[in-house]
Amino acid sequence: MSTRDLAYINGEVLRWARERAGETRESIANALKVEPEAIEAWETGTPPPFSKAETLAHKLRIPLGYLFLSKPPKHDIPIPDLCTLRDRRKAKPSVDFLETVELVLAKQQWCREYLAARNSEPLKFVGNFHVNGIQAVARNIVDVIKIDEPMRQTCTSWEQFLRGFVQRTESIGVLVMRNGFVGHDNNRPLSVTEFRGLAISDTLAPLVFINAQDAKAAQIFTLAHELAHIWIGESGISNPDPEKRSTDEHHEIERFCNRVAAEVLVPKDGFVERWDSSIGVDQNAQRLARYYRVSAYVVLRQAYELNKITGSQYVNQIRLYEAEWERLKNREEDTQGNFYANLNVRHSKMLVSTVVKALAGGEISYLDASRLLQLRTSVLKKLEKLVG
């Protein structure tokens, strides 16, 4: 084989990329139809054929150019990591998680720059509170987003409440993205054990991302939790443990945001009056879920926070619901089969409409818009007609 057909890659970078992707030499060898010894040789200085290097980059989900770097690149997460699920945290974030954070940050940064170029007014509610005064923060979120009695009464279910909650949140200038995969790749589901949501606190383009692999019943709580992050000006990657009381969370910010979320969705005052100790836990949860238009899970969280039920009652009931959550997890809402409606859910309707507006005004190229929304140019043009 001619030396021109060899890729003089950095074996250290290849090993870094393989370990980052959670792959073994054997698994990569199987994918490339070579012996594991070949992978070991490439990692210790033997150049592979250029065609194999291209396949390696694709398999390891990195740009081909990375393999020629002098040393592995650093991929620090620029958002505070507050995850505490079951007190476990991966020592190394997964490739899927890192790519998702990078994609989300790129979208948020573009939106921020677009709004800044138009001298948009800063959003007054961002960072307007501190980590104290649960009631004050919850009341302000309710007032600004208008999570009021009329809203609850117009919703026929907690699923409809979630959609309305998202719509009202975006109407005040907060980008809300709900995606359970890396971009549009349905073969790369995100792990709920790694994170449930994240918040970027920014006065021009605050953003909430919800891991849609989580049960929709729990996504309502995650949205409220991430909004609390924005209200106190604290960006973060979160994973509220469904089996923990807020006081059991080790991080002060997570404890606070959990309490605020419960208060936003199921206000303490009315809840205490409506809880009926003469009936069972599930009966109470279902009855109050219908009243507040939230899921029974959210009701139970507040009941546990306010000592209306014991820890064992709470955990036992939550586990009974888990089979139902799993059944409903992958059920699409009104958007089933509707690519463009799902696009608004995954990327934020606010972002999609802003990109389309920028395209119409010649303020973003089709190439940049394609990269931002991960769409082909032909799909972008159809999207322009639909939104326009």
Protein backbone atom coordinates (compact mmCIF):
# COMPACT_ATOMS: atom_id res chain seq x y z
CA MET A 1 0.00 0.00 0.00
CA SER A 2 1.35 3.43 -0.94
CA THR A 3 2.19 5.82 1.89
CA ARG A 4 -0.22 8.24 0.21
CA ASP A 5 -3.05 5.87 1.14
CA LEU A 6 -2.14 5.88 4.84
CA ALA A 7 -3.53 8.22 7.49
CA TYR A 8 -0.80 9.38 9.85
CA ILE A 9 -3.10 9.86 12.79
CA ASN A 10 -2.21 10.34 16.44
CA GLY A 11 -2.65 6.99 18.23
CA GLU A 12 -3.15 8.76 21.57
CA VAL A 13 -6.08 10.72 20.13
CA LEU A 14 -7.56 7.52 18.68
CA ARG A 15 -7.39 5.83 22.08
CA TRP A 16 -8.97 8.92 23.71
CA ALA A 17 -11.78 8.93 21.15
CA ARG A 18 -12.42 5.20 21.57
CA GLU A 19 -12.58 5.42 25.38
CA ARG A 20 -14.69 8.59 25.20
CA ALA A 21 -17.19 6.71 23.02
CA GLY A 22 -17.27 3.80 25.47
CA GLU A 23 -15.94 1.39 22.86
CA THR A 24 -13.46 -1.48 23.27
CA ARG A 25 -10.81 -2.45 20.76
CA GLU A 26 -12.89 -5.55 20.03
CA SER A 27 -16.07 -3.61 19.31
CA ILE A 28 -14.27 -1.20 16.98
CA ALA A 29 -12.49 -4.09 15.28
CA ASN A 30 -15.82 -5.82 14.64
CA ALA A 31 -17.29 -2.63 13.16
CA LEU A 32 -14.30 -2.14 10.85
CA LYS A 33 -13.95 -5.87 10.05
CA VAL A 34 -10.34 -6.04 11.24
CA GLU A 35 -8.56 -7.87 14.04
CA PRO A 36 -8.33 -6.22 17.51
CA GLU A 37 -4.56 -6.27 17.08
CA ALA A 38 -4.95 -3.80 14.22
CA ILE A 39 -6.71 -1.31 16.51
CA GLU A 40 -3.95 -1.75 19.08
CA ALA A 41 -1.33 -1.10 16.39
CA TRP A 42 -3.08 2.06 15.22
CA GLU A 43 -3.23 3.30 18.81
CA THR A 44 0.51 2.74 19.24
CA GLY A 45 1.75 4.46 16.10
CA THR A 46 1.01 2.34 13.04
CA PRO A 47 -0.94 4.44 10.49
CA PRO A 48 -4.20 2.88 9.25
CA PRO A 49 -5.43 3.07 5.67
CA PHE A 50 -7.12 6.41 5.05
CA SER A 51 -10.45 4.73 4.36
CA LYS A 52 -10.27 3.03 7.78
CA ALA A 53 -9.46 6.35 9.46
CA GLU A 54 -12.61 7.85 7.93
CA THR A 55 -14.66 4.92 9.21
CA LEU A 56 -13.04 5.25 12.65
CA ALA A 57 -14.02 8.91 12.88
CA HIS A 58 -17.59 8.12 11.89
CA LYS A 59 -17.85 5.24 14.35
CA LEU A 60 -16.34 7.29 17.20
CA ARG A 61 -18.54 10.32 16.38
CA ILE A 62 -15.73 12.82 15.95
CA PRO A 63 -14.57 14.96 12.99
CA LEU A 64 -11.88 13.19 10.97
CA GLY A 65 -9.50 16.07 11.67
CA TYR A 66 -9.50 15.25 15.38
CA LEU A 67 -7.47 12.10 14.70
CA PHE A 68 -4.60 14.25 13.39
CA LEU A 69 -4.40 16.54 16.43
CA SER A 70 -1.19 16.56 18.48
CA LYS A 71 -3.13 15.72 21.64
CA PRO A 72 -6.72 14.91 22.64
CA PRO A 73 -8.99 17.98 22.75
CA LYS A 74 -10.51 19.09 26.02
CA HIS A 75 -14.30 18.84 26.26
CA ASP A 76 -15.09 20.57 29.51
CA ILE A 77 -18.79 21.08 30.20
CA PRO A 78 -19.31 24.86 30.45
CA ILE A 79 -22.44 24.46 32.59
CA PRO A 80 -22.34 23.54 36.30
CA ASP A 81 -23.10 19.85 36.75
CA LEU A 82 -25.56 19.42 39.63
CA CYS A 83 -26.69 15.86 38.89
CA THR A 84 -27.35 13.68 41.92
CA LEU A 85 -29.57 10.82 40.71
CA ARG A 86 -29.29 7.98 43.24
CA ASP A 87 -25.98 9.63 44.32
CA ARG A 88 -24.36 8.26 41.18
CA ARG A 89 -22.56 10.25 38.52
CA LYS A 90 -20.52 8.99 35.63
CA ALA A 91 -16.84 9.83 35.93
CA LYS A 92 -16.80 10.59 32.20
CA PRO A 93 -19.83 12.12 30.47
CA SER A 94 -21.05 10.10 27.51
CA VAL A 95 -20.49 11.20 23.92
CA ASP A 96 -24.24 11.58 23.47
CA PHE A 97 -24.47 13.86 26.48
CA LEU A 98 -21.50 16.01 25.42
CA GLU A 99 -22.81 16.40 21.87
CA THR A 100 -26.24 17.36 23.17
CA VAL A 101 -24.76 20.06 25.41
CA GLU A 102 -22.68 21.38 22.50
CA LEU A 103 -25.72 21.49 20.20
CA VAL A 104 -27.85 23.23 22.82
CA LEU A 105 -25.15 25.81 23.55
CA ALA A 106 -24.71 26.55 19.83
CA LYS A 107 -28.43 27.21 19.42
CA GLN A 108 -28.62 29.37 22.55
CA GLN A 109 -25.55 31.39 21.56
CA TRP A 110 -26.89 32.06 18.06
CA CYS A 111 -30.24 33.18 19.43
CA ARG A 112 -28.53 35.41 21.97
CA GLU A 113 -26.37 37.09 19.31
CA TYR A 114 -29.40 37.56 17.03
CA LEU A 115 -31.39 39.25 19.80
CA ALA A 116 -28.42 41.35 20.94
CA ALA A 117 -27.92 42.64 17.38
CA ARG A 118 -31.50 43.96 17.53
CA ASN A 119 -30.96 45.64 20.90
CA SER A 120 -33.57 43.43 22.52
CA GLU A 121 -34.49 44.35 26.08
CA PRO A 122 -33.06 42.10 28.81
CA LEU A 123 -35.63 39.85 30.49
CA LYS A 124 -36.22 41.25 33.97
CA PHE A 125 -37.11 37.96 35.64
CA VAL A 126 -33.74 36.29 34.86
CA GLY A 127 -31.55 36.25 37.96
CA ASN A 128 -33.95 38.53 39.81
CA PHE A 129 -34.03 36.30 42.91
CA HIS A 130 -31.56 34.49 45.16
CA VAL A 131 -31.53 31.05 46.77
CA ASN A 132 -33.99 31.97 49.48
CA GLY A 133 -37.66 32.77 49.61
CA ILE A 134 -39.22 29.72 47.96
CA GLN A 135 -42.68 31.24 48.03
CA ALA A 136 -41.53 34.52 46.46
CA VAL A 137 -39.79 32.80 43.54
CA ALA A 138 -42.68 30.40 42.96
CA ARG A 139 -45.23 33.23 43.03
CA ASN A 140 -43.23 35.28 40.54
CA ILE A 141 -42.90 32.33 38.13
CA VAL A 142 -46.65 31.74 38.37
CA ASP A 143 -47.38 35.45 37.80
CA VAL A 144 -44.99 35.93 34.88
CA ILE A 145 -45.95 32.73 33.04
CA LYS A 146 -49.58 33.00 34.14
CA ILE A 147 -50.00 29.51 35.53
CA ASP A 148 -53.35 30.51 36.92
CA GLU A 149 -56.73 28.95 37.61
CA PRO A 150 -58.12 29.79 34.12
CA MET A 151 -55.15 28.04 32.52
CA ARG A 152 -55.67 24.93 34.62
CA GLN A 153 -59.39 24.88 33.89
CA THR A 154 -58.88 25.05 30.11
CA CYS A 155 -56.62 21.97 30.23
CA THR A 156 -58.34 18.60 30.13
CA SER A 157 -55.27 16.59 31.17
CA TRP A 158 -51.76 16.94 32.51
CA GLU A 159 -50.41 16.30 28.99
CA GLN A 160 -52.32 19.35 27.78
CA PHE A 161 -51.10 21.26 30.83
CA LEU A 162 -47.50 20.41 29.88
CA ARG A 163 -48.02 21.69 26.34
CA GLY A 164 -49.61 24.88 27.65
CA PHE A 165 -46.83 25.30 30.21
CA VAL A 166 -44.22 25.07 27.44
CA GLN A 167 -46.10 27.49 25.17
CA ARG A 168 -46.51 30.08 27.91
CA THR A 169 -42.87 29.74 28.89
CA GLU A 170 -41.74 30.40 25.33
CA SER A 171 -44.12 33.34 25.04
CA ILE A 172 -42.13 35.21 27.70
CA GLY A 173 -38.81 34.61 25.90
CA VAL A 174 -37.49 31.33 27.31
CA LEU A 175 -36.38 28.74 24.76
CA VAL A 176 -37.77 25.30 25.67
CA MET A 177 -36.35 22.21 23.97
CA ARG A 178 -37.60 18.69 24.63
CA ASN A 179 -35.60 15.96 22.95
CA GLY A 180 -34.81 12.39 23.90
CA PHE A 181 -32.14 11.88 21.25
CA VAL A 182 -28.93 13.45 20.00
CA GLY A 183 -30.28 15.91 17.45
CA HIS A 184 -32.47 13.99 15.01
CA ASP A 185 -30.68 10.66 15.42
CA ASN A 186 -33.27 8.30 16.86
CA ASN A 187 -30.60 5.63 17.20
CA ARG A 188 -28.90 7.66 19.92
CA PRO A 189 -31.28 8.00 22.88
CA LEU A 190 -30.22 10.19 25.80
CA SER A 191 -29.79 8.58 29.20
CA VAL A 192 -32.10 9.68 32.01
CA THR A 193 -29.59 8.36 34.52
CA GLU A 194 -27.13 10.93 33.16
CA PHE A 195 -29.41 13.99 33.20
CA ARG A 196 -33.07 15.00 33.09
CA GLY A 197 -32.69 18.62 32.16
CA LEU A 198 -30.49 21.69 31.99
CA ALA A 199 -30.96 25.42 32.25
CA ILE A 200 -28.96 28.27 30.74
CA SER A 201 -29.60 31.49 32.61
CA ASP A 202 -29.20 34.40 30.21
CA THR A 203 -30.96 37.78 30.19
CA LEU A 204 -31.54 37.69 26.42
CA ALA A 205 -31.96 34.01 25.53
CA PRO A 206 -32.55 31.85 28.61
CA LEU A 207 -32.99 28.19 27.75
CA VAL A 208 -34.46 25.02 29.23
CA PHE A 209 -33.65 21.61 27.80
CA ILE A 210 -35.68 18.60 28.94
CA ASN A 211 -34.55 15.03 28.34
CA ALA A 212 -37.64 13.60 26.64
CA GLN A 213 -36.55 10.05 27.41
CA ASP A 214 -37.92 10.78 30.86
CA ALA A 215 -41.60 10.06 31.48
CA LYS A 216 -43.82 12.94 30.36
CA ALA A 217 -45.39 12.80 33.81
CA ALA A 218 -42.03 13.91 35.23
CA GLN A 219 -41.23 16.47 32.51
CA ILE A 220 -43.67 18.96 34.02
CA PHE A 221 -41.64 18.96 37.21
CA THR A 222 -38.34 19.25 35.32
CA LEU A 223 -39.58 22.30 33.41
CA ALA A 224 -40.61 24.05 36.62
CA HIS A 225 -37.31 23.04 38.25
CA GLU A 226 -35.23 24.48 35.39
CA LEU A 227 -37.25 27.71 35.40
CA ALA A 228 -36.32 28.15 39.05
CA HIS A 229 -32.68 27.97 37.93
CA ILE A 230 -33.30 30.83 35.50
CA TRP A 231 -35.15 32.93 38.07
CA ILE A 232 -32.16 32.76 40.46
CA GLY A 233 -29.61 33.21 37.67
CA GLU A 234 -27.97 29.80 38.12
CA SER A 235 -27.28 27.72 35.02
CA GLY A 236 -27.00 24.02 35.68
CA ILE A 237 -27.37 20.43 34.52
CA SER A 238 -29.92 18.71 36.72
CA ASN A 239 -31.24 15.28 37.52
CA PRO A 240 -33.84 15.55 40.27
CA ASP A 241 -34.21 12.11 41.81
CA PRO A 242 -37.88 11.04 41.64
CA GLU A 243 -37.49 9.07 44.88
CA LYS A 244 -35.88 11.81 46.97
CA ARG A 245 -37.32 14.60 49.05
CA SER A 246 -35.76 18.00 48.33
CA THR A 247 -34.01 18.05 51.69
CA ASP A 248 -32.17 14.86 50.70
CA GLU A 249 -30.48 16.52 47.71
CA HIS A 250 -26.86 17.29 48.51
CA HIS A 251 -26.69 20.51 46.46
CA GLU A 252 -28.29 23.67 47.88
CA ILE A 253 -29.42 24.95 44.47
CA GLU A 254 -31.08 21.64 43.61
CA ARG A 255 -32.88 21.54 46.95
CA PHE A 256 -34.17 25.05 46.39
CA CYS A 257 -35.25 24.50 42.77
CA ASN A 258 -37.09 21.30 43.70
CA ARG A 259 -39.06 23.13 46.38
CA VAL A 260 -39.88 25.97 44.02
CA ALA A 261 -41.03 23.54 41.31
CA ALA A 262 -43.38 21.76 43.70
CA GLU A 263 -44.79 25.10 44.88
CA VAL A 264 -45.30 26.39 41.33
CA LEU A 265 -47.22 23.31 40.24
CA VAL A 266 -49.10 22.44 43.44
CA PRO A 267 -49.26 25.51 45.75
CA LYS A 268 -48.91 24.58 49.40
CA ASP A 269 -51.86 26.54 50.80
CA GLY A 270 -54.61 25.07 48.66
CA PHE A 271 -52.96 21.66 48.63
CA VAL A 272 -52.94 21.29 52.42
CA GLU A 273 -56.65 22.12 52.54
CA ARG A 274 -57.55 19.70 49.77
CA TRP A 275 -55.52 16.70 50.98
CA ASP A 276 -57.95 14.20 52.50
CA SER A 277 -56.25 12.01 55.11
CA SER A 278 -59.31 9.75 55.30
CA ILE A 279 -58.66 8.26 51.85
CA GLY A 280 -55.72 6.39 50.33
CA VAL A 281 -52.54 7.86 48.89
CA ASP A 282 -53.29 6.93 45.29
CA GLN A 283 -56.87 8.18 45.55
CA ASN A 284 -55.63 11.51 46.89
CA ALA A 285 -52.95 11.74 44.20
CA GLN A 286 -55.36 11.02 41.34
CA ARG A 287 -58.01 13.39 42.67
CA LEU A 288 -55.62 16.31 43.15
CA ALA A 289 -53.86 15.60 39.87
CA ARG A 290 -57.18 16.17 38.12
CA TYR A 291 -57.73 19.37 40.09
CA TYR A 292 -54.29 20.89 39.43
CA ARG A 293 -54.01 19.37 35.93
CA VAL A 294 -50.59 17.95 36.73
CA SER A 295 -49.47 14.34 36.96
CA ALA A 296 -50.00 12.22 40.07
CA TYR A 297 -46.22 12.11 40.36
CA VAL A 298 -46.06 15.89 40.91
CA VAL A 299 -48.83 15.71 43.51
CA LEU A 300 -47.01 12.96 45.39
CA ARG A 301 -43.78 14.97 45.41
CA GLN A 302 -45.54 17.85 47.12
CA ALA A 303 -47.33 15.49 49.52
CA TYR A 304 -43.98 14.05 50.53
CA GLU A 305 -42.38 17.50 50.83
CA LEU A 306 -45.19 18.58 53.18
CA ASN A 307 -45.13 15.36 55.26
CA LYS A 308 -48.58 14.27 54.17
CA ILE A 309 -47.17 10.85 53.34
CA THR A 310 -44.15 8.90 54.58
CA GLY A 311 -41.05 8.17 52.55
CA SER A 312 -42.02 4.53 52.13
CA GLN A 313 -45.54 5.44 51.00
CA TYR A 314 -44.11 7.88 48.49
CA VAL A 315 -41.51 5.49 47.04
CA ASN A 316 -43.94 2.55 46.92
CA GLN A 317 -46.54 4.59 45.05
CA ILE A 318 -43.99 6.05 42.64
CA ARG A 319 -42.77 2.56 41.78
CA LEU A 320 -46.32 1.45 41.09
CA TYR A 321 -46.59 4.27 38.56
CA GLU A 322 -43.31 3.43 36.84
CA ALA A 323 -44.79 0.73 34.59
CA GLU A 324 -47.39 3.23 33.38
CA TRP A 325 -44.70 5.85 32.81
CA GLU A 326 -42.75 3.39 30.70
CA ARG A 327 -45.83 2.56 28.64
CA LEU A 328 -46.51 6.23 27.97
CA LYS A 329 -42.90 7.35 27.57
CA ASN A 330 -42.61 6.91 23.84
CA ARG A 331 -46.17 7.89 23.02
CA GLU A 332 -46.16 11.05 20.92
CA GLU A 333 -48.62 13.79 21.72
CA ASP A 334 -50.56 15.59 19.02
CA THR A 335 -47.37 15.71 16.96
CA GLN A 336 -47.14 12.00 16.16
CA GLY A 337 -46.01 11.58 12.58
CA ASN A 338 -45.76 15.35 12.11
CA PHE A 339 -42.09 16.10 11.43
CA TYR A 340 -42.46 19.87 11.53
CA ALA A 341 -44.44 19.89 14.77
CA ASN A 342 -41.83 17.62 16.37
CA LEU A 343 -39.17 20.01 15.08
CA ASN A 344 -40.71 22.76 17.21
CA VAL A 345 -40.67 20.48 20.23
CA ARG A 346 -37.07 19.37 19.79
CA HIS A 347 -35.56 22.73 18.86
CA SER A 348 -38.02 25.16 20.51
CA LYS A 349 -40.75 26.80 18.48
CA MET A 350 -39.26 30.16 19.37
CA LEU A 351 -35.86 29.21 17.92
CA VAL A 352 -37.32 27.66 14.75
CA SER A 353 -39.45 30.74 14.00
CA THR A 354 -36.49 33.04 14.71
CA VAL A 355 -34.23 31.11 12.32
CA VAL A 356 -36.90 31.21 9.60
CA LYS A 357 -37.31 34.96 10.15
CA ALA A 358 -33.55 35.42 9.89
CA LEU A 359 -33.50 33.41 6.64
CA ALA A 360 -36.22 35.58 5.16
CA GLY A 361 -34.26 38.69 6.07
CA GLY A 362 -30.99 37.36 4.71
CA GLU A 363 -29.49 37.46 8.20
CA ILE A 364 -28.40 33.83 8.22
CA SER A 365 -27.22 31.64 5.37
CA TYR A 366 -28.92 28.39 4.46
CA LEU A 367 -25.69 26.60 5.37
CA ASP A 368 -25.61 28.07 8.88
CA ALA A 369 -29.36 27.52 9.37
CA SER A 370 -28.94 23.94 8.19
CA ARG A 371 -26.20 23.35 10.75
CA LEU A 372 -28.16 25.03 13.53
CA LEU A 373 -31.36 23.02 13.02
CA GLN A 374 -29.61 19.96 11.56
CA LEU A 375 -31.80 20.00 8.47
CA ARG A 376 -31.19 19.70 4.76
CA THR A 377 -31.59 22.87 2.71
CA SER A 378 -34.60 21.40 0.91
CA VAL A 379 -36.34 20.80 4.25
CA LEU A 380 -35.50 24.34 5.37
CA LYS A 381 -37.19 25.76 2.29
CA LYS A 382 -40.34 23.77 3.01
CA LEU A 383 -40.17 24.96 6.61
CA GLU A 384 -39.97 28.58 5.40
CA LYS A 385 -43.22 28.17 3.48
CA LEU A 386 -44.99 26.57 6.44
CA VAL A 387 -43.88 29.16 9.00
CA GLY A 388 -44.03 32.10 6.63
